[in-house]
């Protein structure tokens, strides 16, 4: 979200951060933690896996490739396991593998997801079902699978990857913002539910950064998909940079992690500059309508919508 220069400067000076807590899991940071990451063979998940490994943690990377066809990008010192987050059976298998090799887990990162954008009248029922099954229910299944283990241990952390789109809701991306907002809500609810058991929760909400997420964009609204892909590809931030900021926030015990300046400014603007925020969103809606009409009328430069990036 583009803000005028003075507004950007003012928002940058505001303090930001949810209250940090010091817990058993935070105190164990860097102490050979046992970490499971979904969607960890590429993009943001791979960047997080690499960051954990560089600290001396033990990591299981999961993704869609079969276990015996380990993706080449997965670091050599990480274990690899197939896990389709839509499958209850594969979640149970992942928990069994964690119990077998480690006897427990310290950090569960629910990161797997897809991108999606489009005008509400062009998004199909299947679009909604797919993104809900992966981006929302995939997170819920991960939390449900490992919460009993973490509670029994009396320590650990669940980290859910959401998006700035879960906090700031631009036009032409209703399905994506809906599921990402739900991930933020699940995370806050679980924060208070699990705190009495010594289990912490964090949710990461980055803005656009360069990743392969654009490859998963749906084709129901080509104008939205094309524009979203451009925004992702043109970002000046890499997945490694965003992961480094996220790791610092996790070390501090932060609940709501906004790991880049654009995300922090946009979130602050919504809360502290509501008139400016409304004006910007209204302009985005008008621009989306204008470019959508041009795209629907024939070939040309289109940009009907956008989808925030979190993976």
Protein backbone atom coordinates (compact mmCIF):
# COMPACT_ATOMS: atom_id res chain seq x y z
CA UNK A 1 0.00 0.00 0.00
CA UNK A 2 1.61 3.28 -1.14
CA UNK A 3 1.48 6.12 1.38
CA UNK A 4 2.55 9.77 0.98
CA UNK A 5 6.13 10.48 2.12
CA UNK A 6 5.23 12.39 5.33
CA UNK A 7 2.77 9.70 6.35
CA UNK A 8 5.38 6.99 5.76
CA UNK A 9 7.89 8.86 7.93
CA UNK A 10 5.39 9.38 10.73
CA UNK A 11 4.31 5.74 10.74
CA UNK A 12 7.93 4.55 10.70
CA UNK A 13 8.54 6.45 13.94
CA UNK A 14 5.72 4.70 15.77
CA UNK A 15 6.77 1.80 17.99
CA UNK A 16 5.53 -1.54 16.85
CA UNK A 17 5.36 -5.01 18.32
CA UNK A 18 2.97 -7.20 20.21
CA UNK A 19 4.02 -7.72 23.83
CA UNK A 20 6.93 -10.14 24.01
CA UNK A 21 6.91 -12.98 26.46
CA UNK A 22 9.78 -14.97 27.83
CA UNK A 23 8.99 -18.65 28.08
CA UNK A 24 10.64 -22.03 28.19
CA UNK A 25 10.50 -22.28 24.41
CA UNK A 26 12.05 -18.83 23.96
CA UNK A 27 14.77 -19.58 26.48
CA UNK A 28 15.63 -22.68 24.44
CA UNK A 29 16.20 -20.61 21.28
CA UNK A 30 19.28 -21.86 19.50
CA UNK A 31 19.55 -24.88 21.79
CA UNK A 32 19.26 -27.63 19.17
CA UNK A 33 15.51 -27.24 18.76
CA UNK A 34 13.40 -29.80 16.92
CA UNK A 35 11.56 -28.00 14.09
CA UNK A 36 8.96 -29.20 11.59
CA UNK A 37 8.12 -26.93 8.62
CA UNK A 38 5.35 -27.51 6.09
CA UNK A 39 5.80 -26.26 2.55
CA UNK A 40 9.51 -26.10 3.27
CA UNK A 41 11.01 -27.16 -0.06
CA UNK A 42 10.80 -23.72 -1.66
CA UNK A 43 10.13 -20.04 -1.06
CA UNK A 44 9.59 -18.74 2.45
CA UNK A 45 9.45 -22.22 3.99
CA UNK A 46 12.86 -23.08 2.57
CA UNK A 47 14.27 -19.77 3.80
CA UNK A 48 12.98 -20.48 7.31
CA UNK A 49 14.34 -24.04 7.22
CA UNK A 50 17.77 -22.72 6.24
CA UNK A 51 17.67 -20.11 9.01
CA UNK A 52 16.80 -22.69 11.66
CA UNK A 53 19.54 -25.03 10.43
CA UNK A 54 22.12 -22.25 10.53
CA UNK A 55 21.37 -21.89 14.24
CA UNK A 56 22.08 -25.54 14.88
CA UNK A 57 18.45 -26.68 15.06
CA UNK A 58 17.23 -30.01 13.76
CA UNK A 59 14.70 -29.62 10.96
CA UNK A 60 12.17 -31.80 9.17
CA UNK A 61 11.11 -30.19 5.91
CA UNK A 62 7.79 -31.36 4.47
CA UNK A 63 6.32 -30.78 1.03
CA UNK A 64 4.34 -32.55 -1.71
CA UNK A 65 7.13 -34.59 -3.32
CA UNK A 66 7.24 -38.25 -2.21
CA UNK A 67 9.55 -38.96 0.70
CA UNK A 68 11.85 -41.06 -1.51
CA UNK A 69 12.01 -38.26 -4.13
CA UNK A 70 13.50 -35.61 -1.88
CA UNK A 71 13.54 -32.19 -3.64
CA UNK A 72 17.05 -31.09 -4.54
CA UNK A 73 16.54 -27.69 -2.90
CA UNK A 74 16.07 -29.17 0.58
CA UNK A 75 19.28 -28.62 2.59
CA UNK A 76 21.38 -31.75 3.05
CA UNK A 77 21.32 -31.50 6.84
CA UNK A 78 17.51 -31.41 7.00
CA UNK A 79 15.28 -34.46 7.04
CA UNK A 80 12.52 -34.63 4.44
CA UNK A 81 9.00 -36.03 4.60
CA UNK A 82 6.05 -35.86 2.22
CA UNK A 83 3.10 -34.08 3.77
CA UNK A 84 0.01 -32.91 1.91
CA UNK A 85 -1.60 -30.62 4.48
CA UNK A 86 -5.05 -31.62 3.17
CA UNK A 87 -4.56 -35.23 4.32
CA UNK A 88 -5.38 -36.28 7.88
CA UNK A 89 -3.52 -39.55 7.29
CA UNK A 90 -0.34 -37.75 6.26
CA UNK A 91 -0.54 -35.46 9.29
CA UNK A 92 -0.79 -38.54 11.53
CA UNK A 93 2.20 -40.04 9.72
CA UNK A 94 4.18 -36.84 10.27
CA UNK A 95 3.45 -36.89 13.98
CA UNK A 96 4.46 -40.55 14.19
CA UNK A 97 7.75 -39.77 12.43
CA UNK A 98 8.46 -36.88 14.80
CA UNK A 99 7.81 -39.14 17.78
CA UNK A 100 10.00 -41.86 16.29
CA UNK A 101 13.10 -39.79 15.60
CA UNK A 102 12.86 -37.03 18.22
CA UNK A 103 10.33 -38.07 20.84
CA UNK A 104 8.79 -34.58 20.65
CA UNK A 105 8.94 -31.25 18.85
CA UNK A 106 9.85 -27.69 19.83
CA UNK A 107 8.63 -25.62 16.87
CA UNK A 108 5.85 -26.42 14.38
CA UNK A 109 5.73 -24.05 11.41
CA UNK A 110 2.48 -24.21 9.44
CA UNK A 111 3.71 -22.56 6.26
CA UNK A 112 2.30 -24.49 3.28
CA UNK A 113 -0.08 -22.52 1.10
CA UNK A 114 -1.08 -21.26 -2.33
CA UNK A 115 -1.72 -17.82 -3.82
CA UNK A 116 -5.06 -16.74 -5.18
CA UNK A 117 -6.66 -13.55 -6.44
CA UNK A 118 -9.67 -12.48 -8.42
CA UNK A 119 -12.90 -10.57 -8.57
CA UNK A 120 -15.67 -12.14 -6.50
CA UNK A 121 -17.83 -12.92 -9.54
CA UNK A 122 -14.97 -14.75 -11.26
CA UNK A 123 -13.76 -16.86 -8.34
CA UNK A 124 -15.29 -20.33 -8.58
CA UNK A 125 -16.60 -22.58 -5.87
CA UNK A 126 -13.57 -24.80 -6.48
CA UNK A 127 -11.24 -21.81 -5.99
CA UNK A 128 -12.78 -21.19 -2.58
CA UNK A 129 -12.70 -24.84 -1.57
CA UNK A 130 -9.07 -25.30 -2.62
CA UNK A 131 -7.66 -22.26 -0.85
CA UNK A 132 -9.69 -22.99 2.27
CA UNK A 133 -8.55 -26.62 2.37
CA UNK A 134 -4.88 -25.70 2.03
CA UNK A 135 -4.34 -22.25 3.52
CA UNK A 136 -6.85 -22.42 6.36
CA UNK A 137 -7.66 -26.05 7.16
CA UNK A 138 -4.04 -27.03 6.51
CA UNK A 139 -3.04 -24.72 9.37
CA UNK A 140 -5.87 -25.96 11.58
CA UNK A 141 -4.86 -29.60 10.98
CA UNK A 142 -1.26 -28.84 11.87
CA UNK A 143 -2.24 -27.12 15.11
CA UNK A 144 -4.67 -29.89 16.02
CA UNK A 145 -2.12 -32.62 15.28
CA UNK A 146 0.73 -31.24 17.36
CA UNK A 147 -1.02 -29.28 20.14
CA UNK A 148 -1.45 -32.41 22.31
CA UNK A 149 2.26 -33.20 22.04
CA UNK A 150 3.27 -29.64 22.89
CA UNK A 151 0.85 -29.45 25.81
CA UNK A 152 2.15 -32.74 27.21
CA UNK A 153 5.71 -31.40 27.00
CA UNK A 154 4.74 -28.13 28.66
CA UNK A 155 6.78 -26.16 26.10
CA UNK A 156 7.11 -25.35 22.42
CA UNK A 157 5.87 -22.89 19.82
CA UNK A 158 3.43 -22.99 16.93
CA UNK A 159 4.29 -20.57 14.11
CA UNK A 160 1.61 -19.93 11.49
CA UNK A 161 2.44 -18.17 8.23
CA UNK A 162 -0.37 -15.78 7.30
CA UNK A 163 0.13 -12.59 5.30
CA UNK A 164 -0.29 -8.84 5.50
CA UNK A 165 -3.45 -9.68 3.51
CA UNK A 166 -4.80 -11.18 6.72
CA UNK A 167 -4.69 -7.72 8.34
CA UNK A 168 -5.13 -5.31 5.41
CA UNK A 169 -7.77 -6.27 2.84
CA UNK A 170 -7.41 -4.77 -0.66
CA UNK A 171 -9.93 -5.29 -3.46
CA UNK A 172 -10.02 -8.25 -5.86
CA UNK A 173 -8.56 -10.79 -3.45
CA UNK A 174 -11.46 -11.75 -1.22
CA UNK A 175 -10.70 -15.48 -0.99
CA UNK A 176 -7.05 -14.94 -0.08
CA UNK A 177 -7.72 -12.22 2.49
CA UNK A 178 -10.50 -14.30 4.05
CA UNK A 179 -8.36 -17.36 4.72
CA UNK A 180 -5.34 -15.33 5.83
CA UNK A 181 -7.49 -13.31 8.25
CA UNK A 182 -8.77 -16.62 9.60
CA UNK A 183 -5.19 -17.82 10.16
CA UNK A 184 -4.50 -14.68 12.20
CA UNK A 185 -7.68 -15.32 14.20
CA UNK A 186 -6.82 -18.97 14.85
CA UNK A 187 -3.37 -17.92 16.00
CA UNK A 188 -4.66 -15.34 18.47
CA UNK A 189 -7.23 -17.74 19.88
CA UNK A 190 -4.61 -20.47 20.28
CA UNK A 191 -2.21 -17.99 21.88
CA UNK A 192 -4.51 -17.65 24.88
CA UNK A 193 -5.70 -21.27 24.79
CA UNK A 194 -2.21 -22.77 24.91
CA UNK A 195 -0.40 -20.23 27.08
CA UNK A 196 -1.45 -21.96 30.34
CA UNK A 197 0.32 -25.10 29.08
CA UNK A 198 3.61 -23.31 28.38
CA UNK A 199 3.05 -23.34 24.61
CA UNK A 200 3.54 -20.13 22.61
CA UNK A 201 2.04 -19.07 19.29
CA UNK A 202 3.26 -16.62 16.64
CA UNK A 203 1.77 -15.56 13.31
CA UNK A 204 3.91 -14.13 10.50
CA UNK A 205 2.31 -11.53 8.21
CA UNK A 206 4.72 -10.35 5.49
CA UNK A 207 3.87 -8.13 2.54
CA UNK A 208 5.02 -8.94 -0.99
CA UNK A 209 8.43 -10.53 -1.47
CA UNK A 210 10.09 -12.49 -4.25
CA UNK A 211 9.07 -16.13 -4.16
CA UNK A 212 7.70 -18.89 -6.38
CA UNK A 213 4.22 -18.43 -4.93
CA UNK A 214 3.04 -16.75 -8.12
CA UNK A 215 3.25 -20.13 -9.85
CA UNK A 216 0.26 -21.32 -7.80
CA UNK A 217 -2.05 -18.46 -8.83
CA UNK A 218 -5.47 -19.58 -10.06
CA UNK A 219 -6.61 -18.98 -13.62
CA UNK A 220 -10.22 -17.98 -12.89
CA UNK A 221 -9.36 -14.28 -13.22
CA UNK A 222 -6.32 -13.95 -15.51
CA UNK A 223 -6.15 -10.18 -15.02
CA UNK A 224 -5.81 -10.56 -11.25
CA UNK A 225 -3.29 -13.36 -11.58
CA UNK A 226 -1.12 -11.40 -14.01
CA UNK A 227 -1.10 -8.30 -11.82
CA UNK A 228 -0.35 -10.30 -8.68
CA UNK A 229 2.53 -12.04 -10.37
CA UNK A 230 4.00 -8.67 -11.34
CA UNK A 231 3.78 -7.39 -7.76
CA UNK A 232 5.52 -10.48 -6.44
CA UNK A 233 8.26 -10.44 -9.07
CA UNK A 234 8.94 -6.71 -8.67
CA UNK A 235 9.33 -6.77 -4.90
CA UNK A 236 12.72 -5.70 -3.61
CA UNK A 237 12.62 -8.20 -0.76
CA UNK A 238 13.79 -11.80 -0.94
CA UNK A 239 12.45 -14.74 1.04
CA UNK A 240 15.78 -14.96 2.90
CA UNK A 241 15.53 -11.32 4.00
CA UNK A 242 11.98 -11.74 5.25
CA UNK A 243 12.90 -14.97 7.04
CA UNK A 244 15.82 -13.27 8.81
CA UNK A 245 13.50 -10.55 10.15
CA UNK A 246 10.93 -13.15 11.15
CA UNK A 247 13.53 -15.17 13.05
CA UNK A 248 14.56 -12.10 15.06
CA UNK A 249 10.95 -11.48 16.01
CA UNK A 250 10.44 -15.14 16.98
CA UNK A 251 13.57 -14.97 19.15
CA UNK A 252 11.96 -12.04 20.97
CA UNK A 253 8.78 -14.03 21.60
CA UNK A 254 6.67 -11.77 19.38
CA UNK A 255 3.12 -12.90 18.64
CA UNK A 256 2.26 -10.76 15.59
CA UNK A 257 5.30 -10.74 13.32
CA UNK A 258 5.38 -8.06 10.60
CA UNK A 259 8.81 -8.73 9.12
CA UNK A 260 9.19 -5.80 6.72
CA UNK A 261 8.68 -2.06 6.69
CA UNK A 262 5.84 -2.08 4.17
CA UNK A 263 3.84 -4.51 6.28
CA UNK A 264 4.37 -2.45 9.44
CA UNK A 265 3.43 0.83 7.75
CA UNK A 266 0.30 -0.61 6.14
CA UNK A 267 -0.89 -2.15 9.40
CA UNK A 268 -0.26 1.08 11.31
CA UNK A 269 -1.98 3.18 8.64
CA UNK A 270 -5.16 1.13 8.94
CA UNK A 271 -5.26 1.78 12.69
CA UNK A 272 -3.80 5.27 13.03
CA UNK A 273 -4.62 6.97 9.70
CA UNK A 274 -8.09 5.63 8.84
CA UNK A 275 -9.00 8.50 6.50
CA UNK A 276 -5.82 8.07 4.44
CA UNK A 277 -6.22 4.30 4.50
CA UNK A 278 -9.79 4.52 3.21
CA UNK A 279 -8.75 6.92 0.44
CA UNK A 280 -5.98 4.59 -0.71
CA UNK A 281 -8.23 1.51 -0.69
CA UNK A 282 -10.96 3.36 -2.57
CA UNK A 283 -8.42 4.40 -5.19
CA UNK A 284 -7.20 0.81 -5.47
CA UNK A 285 -10.76 -0.35 -6.03
CA UNK A 286 -11.31 2.27 -8.74
CA UNK A 287 -8.05 1.33 -10.45
CA UNK A 288 -8.92 -2.36 -10.29
CA UNK A 289 -12.29 -1.68 -11.90
CA UNK A 290 -10.74 0.46 -14.63
CA UNK A 291 -8.06 -2.03 -15.58
CA UNK A 292 -10.50 -4.94 -15.33
CA UNK A 293 -12.80 -3.27 -17.83
CA UNK A 294 -9.87 -2.74 -20.16
CA UNK A 295 -8.80 -6.36 -19.77
CA UNK A 296 -12.30 -7.70 -20.31
CA UNK A 297 -12.67 -5.59 -23.43
CA UNK A 298 -9.57 -6.99 -25.10
CA UNK A 299 -5.79 -7.39 -24.88
CA UNK A 300 -3.76 -4.80 -23.09
CA UNK A 301 -2.18 -3.93 -19.77
CA UNK A 302 -4.44 -5.49 -17.15
CA UNK A 303 -4.35 -5.51 -13.37
CA UNK A 304 -7.68 -6.36 -11.85
CA UNK A 305 -6.50 -7.57 -8.50
CA UNK A 306 -3.71 -8.67 -6.28
CA UNK A 307 -2.80 -11.34 -3.84
CA UNK A 308 -0.53 -10.92 -0.88
CA UNK A 309 2.50 -13.18 -0.57
CA UNK A 310 3.30 -15.24 2.53
CA UNK A 311 5.22 -18.14 1.25
